[in-house]
Amino acid sequence: MDYRKCTYTIIIILIIDSSIFNKTVVCLSETPCDCIHESECDYVSKAKYFYKDLRILQPCALPSEDFYCCPSPIKTTISERKCKEFSQIENFCKEHHLINRGKPVEPNEISFIASIQMRDKSDDKSPWEWKCGGTLIDPKFVLTAAHCFENIDTATTEITVLLGAHNITETTERNDYGRFNVTIKIHEDYFNSPFGDIALLELGSAADIRTPRIRPACLPTSSGKEIKEFRAAGFGTTNGRDFPSALLQTTLMTKPIENCRLTEDTQLNETLQFCAAPNGRTGGDVCPGDSGGPVFIEYPGRNDCLYAVMGIVSEGNFCNVDDPHTFHTRVWYYREWIESIVWPNEKNS
């Protein structure tokens, strides 16, 4: 008897069996699954416990009855996990929802809005001047537009972020409670391309997001190219000249990106930007002072107080023109850059 032939045959069978048992297959539900032993699949254990019947499972390595199509774990991004953590804060959700179409905002309704303000460092008695809007996305970070800091000399200009303000003309201690010094981090693309109009402001200390007037927004879970309607909010001018005392919001509709071409030389990139305009004749528009602020939606799968910031107000034909259209930086494209700075020690799962 030739023992070498038997040895070769056994090895070949083992290799074939191994390839069957470990391959990724598609379950009856059309979701990716791993064909593994039942002892390694939590899904099988739960089926045994809750349903007392393994017939709901899909065997995948016949003739063995111990291997099943085990659903692959759903991967979540760092920002998705952080968003879930925010939502678990006690009393995170408030009773009222947002008001559409340019109407005033109730106090604490849109509590992720940041007011970026500046003044001369040589005069600490001078009033703070409104510069841009922003979005709180973490107790230590605000998301905004890079162009807000063009031609700003940080050696002579003091830059702060005001959080929790409903009326920015108030000078009460309540507003000052949410004022933070910042460190500016601008995306490198802003310096070497027409794009990358995005920046992060690191706060000098962590904001208390347990208070109802200071709550973070979430990063998007997709590019948002399929979304037709957004909300925008800010303290920008109402007529191109005068700033409102209280926070306002409006509804914007997406438009073909060509509509946002300012000049023949304007470079367009729908992956990095999107174009939006007021919702008909009655809809309000974003105006000077709204730059850097959020364009947002309700967080997917939630119908409560969680919101996803899809865009950052960038540039365009602002309000008080016949056909106003504005560019907005598409946040999804920059998600990994944001996560690497805001949560550097976290990993995607």
Protein backbone atom coordinates (compact mmCIF):
# COMPACT_ATOMS: atom_id res chain seq x y z
CA MET A 1 0.00 0.00 0.00
CA ASP A 2 1.32 3.44 -0.95
CA TYR A 3 1.00 5.49 2.28
CA ARG A 4 2.17 8.65 0.51
CA LYS A 5 -0.99 8.69 -1.65
CA CYS A 6 -3.22 8.35 1.45
CA THR A 7 -1.41 11.21 3.17
CA TYR A 8 -1.83 13.47 0.15
CA THR A 9 -5.53 12.62 -0.10
CA ILE A 10 -6.18 13.47 3.57
CA ILE A 11 -4.34 16.79 3.28
CA ILE A 12 -6.34 17.77 0.19
CA ILE A 13 -9.65 16.94 1.93
CA LEU A 14 -8.70 19.03 4.97
CA ILE A 15 -7.79 21.99 2.79
CA ILE A 16 -11.09 21.78 0.90
CA ASP A 17 -13.13 21.45 4.11
CA SER A 18 -11.32 24.42 5.65
CA SER A 19 -12.07 26.59 2.65
CA ILE A 20 -15.76 25.68 2.89
CA PHE A 21 -16.11 26.33 6.60
CA ASN A 22 -14.39 29.73 6.61
CA LYS A 23 -15.70 31.32 3.46
CA THR A 24 -17.99 34.33 3.55
CA VAL A 25 -21.40 33.53 2.10
CA VAL A 26 -24.71 35.30 1.66
CA CYS A 27 -27.57 34.34 3.96
CA LEU A 28 -31.20 33.98 2.96
CA SER A 29 -31.65 37.56 4.19
CA GLU A 30 -29.08 38.63 1.57
CA THR A 31 -26.69 39.95 4.22
CA PRO A 32 -23.00 38.99 4.33
CA CYS A 33 -22.34 36.14 6.74
CA ASP A 34 -19.44 34.03 7.95
CA CYS A 35 -19.76 30.26 7.87
CA ILE A 36 -18.47 29.31 11.31
CA HIS A 37 -19.05 26.77 14.07
CA GLU A 38 -22.07 27.45 16.27
CA SER A 39 -19.85 27.76 19.35
CA GLU A 40 -18.24 30.88 17.84
CA CYS A 41 -21.47 32.63 16.84
CA ASP A 42 -23.41 34.67 19.41
CA TYR A 43 -26.36 34.74 17.01
CA VAL A 44 -26.76 30.96 17.34
CA SER A 45 -26.64 31.16 21.13
CA LYS A 46 -29.36 33.81 21.16
CA ALA A 47 -31.49 31.74 18.77
CA LYS A 48 -31.25 28.76 21.11
CA TYR A 49 -32.14 30.88 24.12
CA PHE A 50 -34.95 33.01 22.72
CA TYR A 51 -36.52 30.72 20.13
CA LYS A 52 -35.54 27.25 21.37
CA ASP A 53 -35.28 26.28 17.73
CA LEU A 54 -32.30 26.31 15.37
CA ARG A 55 -34.49 25.92 12.27
CA ILE A 56 -34.49 29.72 11.92
CA LEU A 57 -30.77 29.51 11.20
CA GLN A 58 -29.19 28.76 7.85
CA PRO A 59 -26.72 25.84 7.78
CA CYS A 60 -23.87 26.52 5.41
CA ALA A 61 -21.40 23.64 5.58
CA LEU A 62 -23.31 20.43 4.95
CA PRO A 63 -23.08 17.59 5.82
CA SER A 64 -21.97 19.02 9.18
CA GLU A 65 -24.86 20.33 11.27
CA ASP A 66 -22.68 22.46 13.54
CA PHE A 67 -21.76 25.21 11.08
CA TYR A 68 -24.12 28.11 10.45
CA CYS A 69 -24.26 31.29 8.46
CA CYS A 70 -23.41 33.76 11.23
CA PRO A 71 -24.35 37.39 10.42
CA SER A 72 -21.29 39.60 10.18
CA PRO A 73 -21.23 42.29 12.87
CA ILE A 74 -22.43 45.71 11.71
CA LYS A 75 -19.51 48.11 11.58
CA THR A 76 -19.97 51.52 13.14
CA THR A 77 -17.88 54.64 12.77
CA ILE A 78 -16.31 56.49 15.67
CA SER A 79 -18.71 59.38 15.25
CA GLU A 80 -21.74 57.05 15.23
CA ARG A 81 -20.67 55.58 18.56
CA LYS A 82 -20.12 59.03 20.02
CA CYS A 83 -23.54 60.15 18.83
CA LYS A 84 -25.12 57.21 20.62
CA GLU A 85 -23.22 58.14 23.78
CA PHE A 86 -24.56 61.70 23.61
CA SER A 87 -28.14 60.46 23.26
CA GLN A 88 -27.84 58.47 26.46
CA ILE A 89 -27.27 61.56 28.58
CA GLU A 90 -30.13 61.94 31.04
CA ASN A 91 -32.85 64.30 29.75
CA PHE A 92 -30.89 64.85 26.54
CA CYS A 93 -34.06 65.27 24.51
CA LYS A 94 -36.25 68.31 25.00
CA GLU A 95 -40.01 68.53 24.65
CA HIS A 96 -40.12 70.75 21.55
CA HIS A 97 -38.85 70.23 18.04
CA LEU A 98 -37.47 72.72 15.57
CA ILE A 99 -39.66 75.33 13.86
CA ASN A 100 -39.42 75.50 10.09
CA ARG A 101 -39.27 78.26 7.49
CA GLY A 102 -37.38 81.12 9.00
CA LYS A 103 -39.36 81.43 12.22
CA PRO A 104 -37.68 82.28 15.53
CA VAL A 105 -36.25 79.43 17.54
CA GLU A 106 -37.43 78.64 21.05
CA PRO A 107 -34.70 78.73 23.73
CA ASN A 108 -32.80 75.41 23.93
CA GLU A 109 -34.32 74.09 20.69
CA ILE A 110 -31.12 74.14 18.63
CA SER A 111 -28.54 73.84 21.36
CA PHE A 112 -25.59 72.82 19.17
CA ILE A 113 -25.23 76.25 17.51
CA ALA A 114 -21.97 78.07 18.27
CA SER A 115 -21.33 81.79 17.89
CA ILE A 116 -17.73 82.58 16.88
CA GLN A 117 -16.80 86.06 18.13
CA MET A 118 -13.68 88.20 18.06
CA ARG A 119 -12.20 91.37 19.56
CA ASP A 120 -8.91 93.24 19.82
CA LYS A 121 -6.61 91.69 22.42
CA SER A 122 -5.35 95.12 23.47
CA ASP A 123 -8.78 96.15 24.75
CA ASP A 124 -10.49 93.60 26.96
CA LYS A 125 -13.37 96.03 27.52
CA SER A 126 -14.31 96.18 23.85
CA PRO A 127 -17.49 94.37 22.78
CA TRP A 128 -17.32 91.00 21.11
CA GLU A 129 -17.95 91.17 17.35
CA TRP A 130 -19.94 88.43 15.64
CA LYS A 131 -17.91 86.64 12.96
CA CYS A 132 -19.31 83.21 12.04
CA GLY A 133 -21.45 80.31 13.14
CA GLY A 134 -20.38 76.82 14.08
CA THR A 135 -21.59 73.45 15.36
CA LEU A 136 -20.69 71.79 18.63
CA ILE A 137 -19.87 68.14 17.80
CA ASP A 138 -18.07 67.18 21.02
CA PRO A 139 -17.64 68.79 24.45
CA LYS A 140 -14.23 70.01 23.25
CA PHE A 141 -14.75 70.76 19.54
CA VAL A 142 -16.74 73.07 17.27
CA LEU A 143 -17.02 72.50 13.51
CA THR A 144 -16.99 75.58 11.27
CA ALA A 145 -15.69 77.05 7.98
CA ALA A 146 -12.01 77.76 7.34
CA HIS A 147 -12.70 81.03 5.51
CA CYS A 148 -13.93 82.57 8.77
CA PHE A 149 -10.29 83.02 9.78
CA GLU A 150 -8.88 84.50 6.59
CA ASN A 151 -6.77 87.62 7.22
CA ILE A 152 -7.22 87.24 10.98
CA ASP A 153 -4.07 87.93 13.00
CA THR A 154 -4.36 85.67 16.03
CA ALA A 155 -1.49 87.54 17.67
CA THR A 156 -3.65 90.66 17.99
CA THR A 157 -7.16 89.19 17.80
CA GLU A 158 -8.86 87.25 20.57
CA ILE A 159 -11.15 84.52 19.23
CA THR A 160 -13.80 82.84 21.35
CA VAL A 161 -16.79 80.56 20.94
CA LEU A 162 -20.08 81.29 22.69
CA LEU A 163 -22.26 78.26 23.38
CA GLY A 164 -25.75 78.05 24.76
CA ALA A 165 -26.76 81.53 23.62
CA HIS A 166 -30.26 82.15 22.37
CA ASN A 167 -29.90 85.94 22.25
CA ILE A 168 -26.34 87.06 21.46
CA THR A 169 -26.98 90.67 22.46
CA GLU A 170 -27.40 89.66 26.09
CA THR A 171 -24.43 90.30 28.37
CA THR A 172 -25.62 88.27 31.31
CA GLU A 173 -23.47 85.78 33.19
CA ARG A 174 -25.64 83.05 31.69
CA ASN A 175 -24.16 83.66 28.24
CA ASP A 176 -20.63 84.21 29.52
CA TYR A 177 -20.87 80.81 31.19
CA GLY A 178 -20.60 79.27 27.73
CA ARG A 179 -17.68 81.35 26.37
CA PHE A 180 -14.50 79.46 25.47
CA ASN A 181 -11.07 80.34 24.13
CA VAL A 182 -10.12 78.23 21.12
CA THR A 183 -7.29 76.72 19.11
CA ILE A 184 -7.91 76.74 15.34
CA LYS A 185 -7.27 73.67 13.15
CA ILE A 186 -7.83 74.26 9.43
CA HIS A 187 -7.96 71.46 6.85
CA GLU A 188 -4.83 71.46 4.69
CA ASP A 189 -6.83 71.38 1.43
CA TYR A 190 -8.04 74.91 2.13
CA PHE A 191 -4.52 76.25 1.56
CA ASN A 192 -3.75 74.42 -1.70
CA SER A 193 -7.10 73.97 -3.46
CA PRO A 194 -10.46 75.72 -4.00
CA PHE A 195 -12.02 73.25 -1.58
CA GLY A 196 -11.54 72.20 2.04
CA ASP A 197 -13.51 75.09 3.57
CA ILE A 198 -13.68 73.37 6.94
CA ALA A 199 -12.07 73.96 10.32
CA LEU A 200 -12.20 72.63 13.85
CA LEU A 201 -12.01 74.80 16.95
CA GLU A 202 -10.65 73.08 20.03
CA LEU A 203 -12.13 74.62 23.15
CA GLY A 204 -9.86 75.58 26.03
CA SER A 205 -12.01 73.49 28.35
CA ALA A 206 -14.81 70.98 27.86
CA ALA A 207 -18.35 72.31 27.56
CA ASP A 208 -20.93 70.89 29.95
CA ILE A 209 -23.28 69.08 27.56
CA ARG A 210 -25.53 67.96 30.40
CA THR A 211 -27.16 71.39 30.43
CA PRO A 212 -30.23 71.69 28.16
CA ARG A 213 -28.84 74.73 26.34
CA ILE A 214 -25.55 73.11 25.27
CA ARG A 215 -25.91 69.84 23.37
CA PRO A 216 -23.78 68.46 20.50
CA ALA A 217 -24.92 67.54 17.01
CA CYS A 218 -23.75 64.36 15.28
CA LEU A 219 -21.67 63.79 12.17
CA PRO A 220 -23.48 62.33 9.13
CA THR A 221 -23.86 58.62 8.44
CA SER A 222 -23.80 59.12 4.65
CA SER A 223 -22.89 61.72 2.03
CA GLY A 224 -26.46 63.00 1.93
CA LYS A 225 -26.57 63.24 -1.87
CA GLU A 226 -30.08 61.81 -1.85
CA ILE A 227 -31.42 64.42 0.60
CA LYS A 228 -33.56 67.17 -0.92
CA GLU A 229 -34.36 69.33 2.10
CA PHE A 230 -32.16 70.64 4.90
CA ARG A 231 -32.43 73.01 7.81
CA ALA A 232 -30.06 75.85 8.57
CA ALA A 233 -29.80 78.07 11.63
CA GLY A 234 -27.71 81.01 12.76
CA PHE A 235 -27.39 84.61 13.86
CA GLY A 236 -26.62 85.95 10.36
CA THR A 237 -28.07 89.21 9.06
CA THR A 238 -31.75 89.35 8.18
CA ASN A 239 -31.46 91.99 5.46
CA GLY A 240 -27.79 91.93 4.56
CA ARG A 241 -26.99 94.59 7.17
CA ASP A 242 -28.60 94.04 10.58
CA PHE A 243 -27.91 91.08 12.84
CA PRO A 244 -30.86 89.56 14.70
CA SER A 245 -30.81 89.45 18.46
CA ALA A 246 -32.12 85.88 18.60
CA LEU A 247 -31.31 82.66 16.78
CA LEU A 248 -33.23 82.08 13.53
CA GLN A 249 -33.62 79.08 11.25
CA THR A 250 -34.85 78.28 7.77
CA THR A 251 -35.34 75.47 5.25
CA LEU A 252 -33.05 75.01 2.25
CA MET A 253 -33.61 72.86 -0.83
CA THR A 254 -30.80 71.17 -2.74
CA LYS A 255 -30.16 72.41 -6.27
CA PRO A 256 -27.97 71.21 -9.14
CA ILE A 257 -24.42 72.12 -8.27
CA GLU A 258 -24.10 74.10 -11.52
CA ASN A 259 -26.57 76.60 -10.04
CA CYS A 260 -23.89 77.61 -7.55
CA ARG A 261 -21.31 78.58 -10.16
CA LEU A 262 -20.37 82.14 -9.20
CA THR A 263 -18.09 82.83 -12.17
CA GLU A 264 -16.81 80.92 -15.19
CA ASP A 265 -13.70 80.08 -13.18
CA THR A 266 -15.59 78.61 -10.22
CA GLN A 267 -14.49 75.02 -9.67
CA LEU A 268 -17.22 72.57 -8.69
CA ASN A 269 -16.99 69.21 -6.95
CA GLU A 270 -20.20 67.49 -5.87
CA THR A 271 -18.26 65.04 -3.71
CA LEU A 272 -16.91 67.88 -1.59
CA GLN A 273 -19.78 70.38 -1.77
CA PHE A 274 -23.49 70.74 -2.38
CA CYS A 275 -25.63 73.60 -3.58
CA ALA A 276 -28.79 74.82 -1.85
CA ALA A 277 -31.31 77.64 -2.10
CA PRO A 278 -34.30 78.98 -0.13
CA ASN A 279 -37.52 77.01 -0.16
CA GLY A 280 -39.53 79.10 -2.63
CA ARG A 281 -40.42 82.75 -2.23
CA THR A 282 -41.40 82.41 1.42
CA GLY A 283 -38.33 80.53 2.55
CA GLY A 284 -35.54 82.35 4.34
CA ASP A 285 -31.96 82.22 3.12
CA VAL A 286 -28.59 82.02 4.80
CA CYS A 287 -26.98 85.45 4.99
CA PRO A 288 -23.62 87.03 5.88
CA GLY A 289 -22.81 85.96 9.40
CA ASP A 290 -24.26 82.49 8.88
CA SER A 291 -20.96 81.29 7.38
CA GLY A 292 -19.54 78.30 9.19
CA GLY A 293 -22.92 77.37 10.61
CA PRO A 294 -24.63 74.01 10.16
CA VAL A 295 -26.91 72.70 7.45
CA PHE A 296 -28.56 69.77 9.19
CA ILE A 297 -31.25 67.08 9.25
CA GLU A 298 -32.81 64.82 11.84
CA TYR A 299 -30.44 61.99 12.63
CA PRO A 300 -31.29 58.94 10.45
CA GLY A 301 -33.45 56.42 12.25
CA ARG A 302 -34.31 58.86 15.01
CA ASN A 303 -37.31 61.15 15.30
CA ASP A 304 -36.34 63.03 18.42
CA CYS A 305 -33.66 65.54 19.30
CA LEU A 306 -30.60 64.10 17.56
CA TYR A 307 -29.43 65.97 14.48
CA ALA A 308 -26.74 65.30 11.87
CA VAL A 309 -24.74 68.20 10.44
CA MET A 310 -24.57 67.46 6.70
CA GLY A 311 -22.99 70.69 5.54
CA ILE A 312 -21.13 73.84 6.57
CA VAL A 313 -22.27 77.16 5.11
CA SER A 314 -19.40 78.19 2.82
CA GLU A 315 -20.00 80.80 0.11
CA GLY A 316 -22.28 81.92 -2.69
CA ASN A 317 -24.84 84.53 -3.68
CA PHE A 318 -26.16 85.27 -0.22
CA CYS A 319 -29.52 86.78 0.68
CA ASN A 320 -31.11 89.87 -0.90
CA VAL A 321 -30.41 88.81 -4.48
CA ASP A 322 -32.93 87.59 -7.04
CA ASP A 323 -31.60 84.05 -7.24
CA PRO A 324 -29.68 83.21 -4.05
CA HIS A 325 -27.69 79.98 -4.04
CA THR A 326 -25.03 78.94 -1.59
CA PHE A 327 -22.23 76.38 -1.47
CA HIS A 328 -21.99 74.13 1.54
CA THR A 329 -19.00 71.99 2.46
CA ARG A 330 -20.09 68.33 2.46
CA VAL A 331 -19.14 67.12 5.95
CA TRP A 332 -19.24 63.40 5.09
CA TYR A 333 -16.15 63.66 2.88
CA TYR A 334 -14.13 65.04 5.81
CA ARG A 335 -15.49 62.66 8.46
CA GLU A 336 -12.28 60.69 8.93
CA TRP A 337 -10.23 63.89 9.22
CA ILE A 338 -12.64 65.17 11.87
CA GLU A 339 -12.58 61.88 13.79
CA SER A 340 -8.77 61.76 13.75
CA ILE A 341 -8.61 65.12 15.54
CA VAL A 342 -11.66 65.03 17.79
CA TRP A 343 -11.34 61.38 18.90
CA PRO A 344 -7.69 60.45 18.14
CA ASN A 345 -7.60 57.45 20.47
CA GLU A 346 -10.76 55.82 19.15
CA LYS A 347 -10.99 53.21 16.40
CA ASN A 348 -13.76 52.29 13.99
CA SER A 349 -15.42 48.99 14.88
